[in-house]
Amino acid sequence: MTAVPAREYPEPELGWLAASRLRFVVTIVALAAIYSVCWHLAKVDVGKLVTGLPRMASWAAKSWPPATDELPVLFRRAAETVAMAALGTSGAALLALPLCVLAARNVTPSMALYYPTRWFLNMLRGIDSFVFALLFVAAVGLGPFAGVLGIAFHTWGSTAKLWAEAIENIPPGPLEAAAVTGASRVKVLAFALVPDVAPSLLSIGLFWWEFNVRASTVLGVVGAGGIGQELKNSMDLLDFPRLLTIITIILVMVTLIDHGSQWVRRRLE
C-alpha cells in the first residue's frame, strides 16, 4: 500500500494560525485578569448572599398581606412619578431639537459647532439623572420639581445624541434634492429632513419616557418626590406590607406604560 504523504502547510499559513492562537490566549488571560480585579474591587462575597437570602425570605413573608389603607396617597405619589417623567422627557425633547441638528454631521451648519455640541451632550449623558436630581434638590428644595429637572438634563443629552445619529442615518437623496431647488436650510430641514426622521425621533422619545418612568421611581431616595420617596420611607421603617403595595403599584404602572408605548411605536412603523 502506498503511504499517503502528510499534508504540508505553507509557512505563512502556519504563522497566521500561531498568531491567531496567541491572540486568543492573550485575550482570555487579559479578560480573566480584568474580571479578577473587578471581583476584588466590587468586594463580591457569595457567602454573604447565601446568609442574606433567608433574611429576605422572612421579609417577604412579613409583607403579606399588602397594606391597602394608604392607597389614595400612594396612587397620588405614583401619578407624581408619571408626571415627573412626562415633564422631564418633554422638556428634554424640546431642548434636544436644535442640538440634534448641530450634532448631526450631515446637516450641521459648521463643524466648529459639531464638536462642542457633541462634547456638551456627552457631558449631560455622563451625569445620571439621580446625580442631577441630588444637585437640584440642593438648588430648588425637596419635591418632584427637582426630579423633573434631574430627568430633563440627563435625558436632554441622551435624546439629542440618539436623534443626531438617527438624522445621520437617513438617505442623503431628499436633502440634496431639496437643496438643489434653492430652498433655504430651514426649509430643507423642515420639508426634507423632518418627514423622513420624525417616526424615529418619536420612537426614541417614547423609549426615554418609558425609561424615565422607571428611573424616577428611585429619585425619591434623594428627596425628589414621587412614589420612590414612599418606597424609601417604607424601607426605613421596615413596613413590609406597605412596601409590597408600593412595589406592586410600580410594577403595574411600568407595565401599562410599556405596553402603551409599544402600541404607539407599532403604529408608527
Protein backbone atom coordinates (compact mmCIF):
# COMPACT_ATOMS: atom_id res chain seq x y z
CA MET A 1 0.00 0.00 0.00
CA THR A 2 1.36 3.39 -0.94
CA ALA A 3 1.84 5.75 2.04
CA VAL A 4 -0.13 8.98 1.85
CA PRO A 5 2.24 11.90 2.32
CA ALA A 6 1.45 14.23 5.20
CA ARG A 7 -0.22 17.44 4.19
CA GLU A 8 2.20 20.30 4.17
CA TYR A 9 1.09 23.79 5.14
CA PRO A 10 2.92 26.74 3.73
CA GLU A 11 4.90 28.84 6.18
CA PRO A 12 2.61 31.92 6.05
CA GLU A 13 -0.49 29.85 6.94
CA LEU A 14 1.23 28.22 9.91
CA GLY A 15 2.41 31.61 11.11
CA TRP A 16 -1.09 33.06 10.86
CA LEU A 17 -2.57 30.15 12.86
CA ALA A 18 0.07 30.54 15.58
CA ALA A 19 -0.54 34.29 15.80
CA SER A 20 -4.30 33.75 15.95
CA ARG A 21 -3.96 31.25 18.80
CA LEU A 22 -1.61 33.56 20.64
CA ARG A 23 -4.09 36.44 20.36
CA PHE A 24 -6.87 34.19 21.64
CA VAL A 25 -4.80 33.11 24.66
CA VAL A 26 -3.74 36.67 25.41
CA THR A 27 -7.38 37.84 25.18
CA ILE A 28 -8.57 35.14 27.58
CA VAL A 29 -5.79 35.90 30.06
CA ALA A 30 -6.49 39.65 29.85
CA LEU A 31 -10.23 39.15 30.41
CA ALA A 32 -9.56 36.84 33.33
CA ALA A 33 -7.26 39.44 34.89
CA ILE A 34 -9.79 42.26 34.36
CA TYR A 35 -12.65 40.30 35.89
CA SER A 36 -10.45 39.20 38.77
CA VAL A 37 -9.68 42.83 39.57
CA CYS A 38 -13.37 43.78 39.19
CA TRP A 39 -14.38 40.93 41.52
CA HIS A 40 -11.91 42.22 44.12
CA LEU A 41 -12.89 45.89 43.78
CA ALA A 42 -16.62 45.06 43.94
CA LYS A 43 -15.98 43.01 47.10
CA VAL A 44 -18.16 40.18 45.85
CA ASP A 45 -18.93 37.79 48.70
CA VAL A 46 -21.12 34.84 47.77
CA GLY A 47 -21.20 33.75 51.40
CA LYS A 48 -22.95 36.97 52.42
CA LEU A 49 -25.53 36.40 49.69
CA VAL A 50 -26.22 32.87 50.90
CA THR A 51 -26.64 34.01 54.51
CA GLY A 52 -28.74 37.02 53.48
CA LEU A 53 -31.28 35.15 51.37
CA PRO A 54 -33.15 33.69 54.39
CA ARG A 55 -33.46 37.22 55.76
CA MET A 56 -35.03 38.37 52.51
CA ALA A 57 -37.38 35.41 52.62
CA SER A 58 -38.50 36.40 56.11
CA TRP A 59 -39.15 39.95 54.90
CA ALA A 60 -41.25 38.59 52.03
CA ALA A 61 -43.28 36.52 54.48
CA LYS A 62 -43.86 39.55 56.71
CA SER A 63 -45.06 41.64 53.76
CA TRP A 64 -48.21 39.57 53.24
CA PRO A 65 -50.96 40.70 53.10
CA PRO A 66 -50.16 44.02 51.40
CA ALA A 67 -51.35 47.20 53.11
CA THR A 68 -54.28 48.95 51.46
CA ASP A 69 -55.10 51.69 53.96
CA GLU A 70 -52.99 54.34 52.17
CA LEU A 71 -53.87 53.58 48.56
CA PRO A 72 -55.08 57.13 47.74
CA VAL A 73 -51.77 58.61 48.93
CA LEU A 74 -49.75 56.00 47.05
CA PHE A 75 -51.74 56.48 43.85
CA ARG A 76 -51.11 60.22 44.08
CA ARG A 77 -47.40 59.56 44.52
CA ALA A 78 -47.46 57.24 41.51
CA ALA A 79 -49.14 59.99 39.48
CA GLU A 80 -46.36 62.35 40.61
CA THR A 81 -43.82 59.87 39.27
CA VAL A 82 -45.51 59.70 35.86
CA ALA A 83 -45.80 63.50 35.79
CA MET A 84 -42.10 63.88 36.60
CA ALA A 85 -41.16 61.55 33.75
CA ALA A 86 -43.57 63.19 31.29
CA LEU A 87 -42.46 66.76 32.02
CA GLY A 88 -38.79 65.88 32.21
CA THR A 89 -38.86 63.91 28.95
CA SER A 90 -40.90 66.57 27.13
CA GLY A 91 -38.61 69.37 28.30
CA ALA A 92 -35.57 67.35 27.27
CA ALA A 93 -37.09 66.73 23.82
CA LEU A 94 -37.67 70.45 23.25
CA LEU A 95 -34.10 71.25 24.28
CA ALA A 96 -32.73 68.39 22.17
CA LEU A 97 -34.37 69.50 18.90
CA PRO A 98 -31.90 72.27 18.00
CA LEU A 99 -28.88 70.46 19.39
CA CYS A 100 -29.51 67.24 17.48
CA VAL A 101 -29.25 69.23 14.24
CA LEU A 102 -25.95 70.77 15.33
CA ALA A 103 -24.68 67.34 16.45
CA ALA A 104 -25.56 65.55 13.18
CA ARG A 105 -22.57 65.56 10.84
CA ASN A 106 -24.66 65.57 7.65
CA VAL A 107 -26.80 68.64 8.50
CA THR A 108 -24.74 70.68 10.97
CA PRO A 109 -24.07 74.19 9.61
CA SER A 110 -20.46 74.10 10.78
CA MET A 111 -18.00 71.55 12.14
CA ALA A 112 -16.95 74.26 14.59
CA LEU A 113 -20.39 73.74 16.18
CA TYR A 114 -20.47 69.96 15.74
CA TYR A 115 -17.67 69.03 18.13
CA PRO A 116 -18.57 71.39 21.03
CA THR A 117 -22.19 70.25 20.78
CA ARG A 118 -21.15 66.59 20.91
CA TRP A 119 -18.91 67.27 23.93
CA PHE A 120 -21.75 69.08 25.70
CA LEU A 121 -24.17 66.22 25.05
CA ASN A 122 -21.61 63.70 26.28
CA MET A 123 -21.25 65.70 29.49
CA LEU A 124 -25.02 65.64 30.06
CA ARG A 125 -25.20 61.92 29.29
CA GLY A 126 -22.29 61.20 31.60
CA ILE A 127 -24.14 62.53 34.65
CA ASP A 128 -27.01 60.29 35.70
CA SER A 129 -30.47 61.71 36.41
CA PHE A 130 -30.04 60.53 40.01
CA VAL A 131 -26.99 62.81 40.41
CA PHE A 132 -28.73 65.71 38.68
CA ALA A 133 -31.73 65.27 40.98
CA LEU A 134 -29.44 65.31 44.01
CA LEU A 135 -27.91 68.59 42.82
CA PHE A 136 -31.28 70.17 42.09
CA VAL A 137 -32.66 69.14 45.48
CA ALA A 138 -29.95 71.36 46.93
CA ALA A 139 -30.90 74.14 44.49
CA VAL A 140 -34.72 74.12 44.50
CA GLY A 141 -35.51 72.05 47.60
CA LEU A 142 -37.23 68.74 48.17
CA GLY A 143 -40.07 67.65 45.92
CA PRO A 144 -40.89 66.43 42.43
CA PHE A 145 -39.64 69.62 40.71
CA ALA A 146 -36.07 68.56 41.47
CA GLY A 147 -36.89 65.19 39.91
CA VAL A 148 -38.25 66.85 36.76
CA LEU A 149 -35.03 68.84 36.38
CA GLY A 150 -32.85 65.83 37.06
CA ILE A 151 -34.63 63.75 34.44
CA ALA A 152 -34.67 66.60 31.91
CA PHE A 153 -30.95 67.34 32.00
CA HIS A 154 -29.78 63.74 31.65
CA THR A 155 -32.40 62.91 29.01
CA TRP A 156 -31.52 66.07 27.10
CA GLY A 157 -28.06 64.76 26.32
CA SER A 158 -29.13 61.18 25.64
CA THR A 159 -32.08 62.10 23.41
CA ALA A 160 -30.14 64.65 21.37
CA LYS A 161 -27.35 62.16 20.74
CA LEU A 162 -29.71 59.40 19.58
CA TRP A 163 -31.68 61.85 17.44
CA ALA A 164 -28.45 63.09 15.85
CA GLU A 165 -27.48 59.52 14.99
CA ALA A 166 -30.94 58.91 13.50
CA ILE A 167 -30.52 62.03 11.34
CA GLU A 168 -27.07 60.89 10.20
CA ASN A 169 -28.53 57.55 9.05
CA ILE A 170 -31.18 58.96 6.72
CA PRO A 171 -30.53 58.72 2.95
CA PRO A 172 -28.95 61.91 1.56
CA GLY A 173 -31.13 61.98 -1.58
CA PRO A 174 -34.10 64.02 -0.29
CA LEU A 175 -31.84 66.58 1.39
CA GLU A 176 -29.74 67.03 -1.74
CA ALA A 177 -32.83 67.28 -3.94
CA ALA A 178 -34.34 69.96 -1.71
CA ALA A 179 -31.06 71.89 -1.60
CA VAL A 180 -30.78 71.85 -5.42
CA THR A 181 -34.12 73.65 -5.70
CA GLY A 182 -32.57 76.62 -3.89
CA ALA A 183 -34.55 76.13 -0.67
CA SER A 184 -33.11 77.68 2.46
CA ARG A 185 -31.53 75.50 5.14
CA VAL A 186 -34.61 75.91 7.35
CA LYS A 187 -36.91 74.75 4.54
CA VAL A 188 -34.65 71.81 3.71
CA LEU A 189 -34.74 70.68 7.32
CA ALA A 190 -38.50 71.26 7.68
CA PHE A 191 -39.69 69.67 4.42
CA ALA A 192 -37.00 67.12 3.56
CA LEU A 193 -35.50 66.07 6.87
CA VAL A 194 -38.40 66.09 9.33
CA PRO A 195 -40.80 63.83 7.35
CA ASP A 196 -38.13 61.15 6.98
CA VAL A 197 -36.82 61.19 10.50
CA ALA A 198 -39.96 62.04 12.53
CA PRO A 199 -41.04 58.40 13.23
CA SER A 200 -37.55 57.54 14.53
CA LEU A 201 -37.43 60.66 16.69
CA LEU A 202 -40.83 59.94 18.18
CA SER A 203 -39.93 56.30 18.84
CA ILE A 204 -36.75 57.37 20.65
CA GLY A 205 -38.72 59.92 22.67
CA LEU A 206 -41.23 57.26 23.73
CA PHE A 207 -38.39 54.97 24.77
CA TRP A 208 -36.95 57.66 27.02
CA TRP A 209 -40.35 58.32 28.55
CA GLU A 210 -40.63 54.61 29.44
CA PHE A 211 -37.11 54.63 30.81
CA ASN A 212 -37.69 57.79 32.84
CA VAL A 213 -40.84 56.42 34.46
CA ARG A 214 -38.76 53.53 35.76
CA ALA A 215 -35.83 55.77 36.68
CA SER A 216 -37.98 58.31 38.50
CA THR A 217 -39.22 55.65 40.92
CA VAL A 218 -35.86 55.79 42.70
CA LEU A 219 -35.38 59.56 42.66
CA GLY A 220 -37.34 59.78 45.89
CA VAL A 221 -34.27 58.36 47.63
CA VAL A 222 -32.68 61.81 47.30
CA GLY A 223 -35.90 63.63 48.18
CA ALA A 224 -37.13 64.25 44.64
CA GLY A 225 -40.69 63.15 45.37
CA GLY A 226 -42.82 60.57 43.62
CA ILE A 227 -43.56 57.06 44.77
CA GLY A 228 -39.84 56.44 45.27
CA GLN A 229 -39.97 58.61 48.37
CA GLU A 230 -42.70 56.43 49.83
CA LEU A 231 -40.62 53.37 48.92
CA LYS A 232 -37.67 54.72 50.85
CA ASN A 233 -39.84 55.63 53.86
CA SER A 234 -41.28 52.12 53.98
CA MET A 235 -37.81 50.59 53.77
CA ASP A 236 -36.52 52.83 56.57
CA LEU A 237 -39.45 51.88 58.80
CA LEU A 238 -39.32 48.18 57.81
CA ASP A 239 -43.01 48.45 56.92
CA PHE A 240 -43.05 45.42 54.63
CA PRO A 241 -46.82 45.22 53.86
CA ARG A 242 -46.74 48.85 52.69
CA LEU A 243 -43.53 48.15 50.77
CA LEU A 244 -45.20 45.28 48.91
CA THR A 245 -48.11 47.53 47.97
CA ILE A 246 -45.73 50.18 46.61
CA ILE A 247 -43.74 47.64 44.60
CA THR A 248 -46.98 46.23 43.14
CA ILE A 249 -48.13 49.71 42.11
CA ILE A 250 -44.76 50.40 40.47
CA LEU A 251 -44.86 47.13 38.52
CA VAL A 252 -48.42 47.72 37.30
CA MET A 253 -47.65 51.34 36.38
CA VAL A 254 -44.48 50.49 34.46
CA THR A 255 -46.14 47.55 32.67
CA LEU A 256 -49.09 49.64 31.50
CA ILE A 257 -46.81 52.42 30.25
CA ASP A 258 -44.52 49.98 28.45
CA HIS A 259 -47.45 48.32 26.67
CA GLY A 260 -48.95 51.68 25.72
CA SER A 261 -45.63 52.92 24.37
CA GLN A 262 -45.09 49.72 22.37
CA TRP A 263 -48.56 50.07 20.85
CA VAL A 264 -47.78 53.63 19.73
CA ARG A 265 -44.41 52.58 18.28
CA ARG A 266 -46.06 49.78 16.30
CA ARG A 267 -48.49 52.30 14.83
CA LEU A 268 -45.53 54.39 13.69
CA GLU A 269 -43.87 51.54 11.78
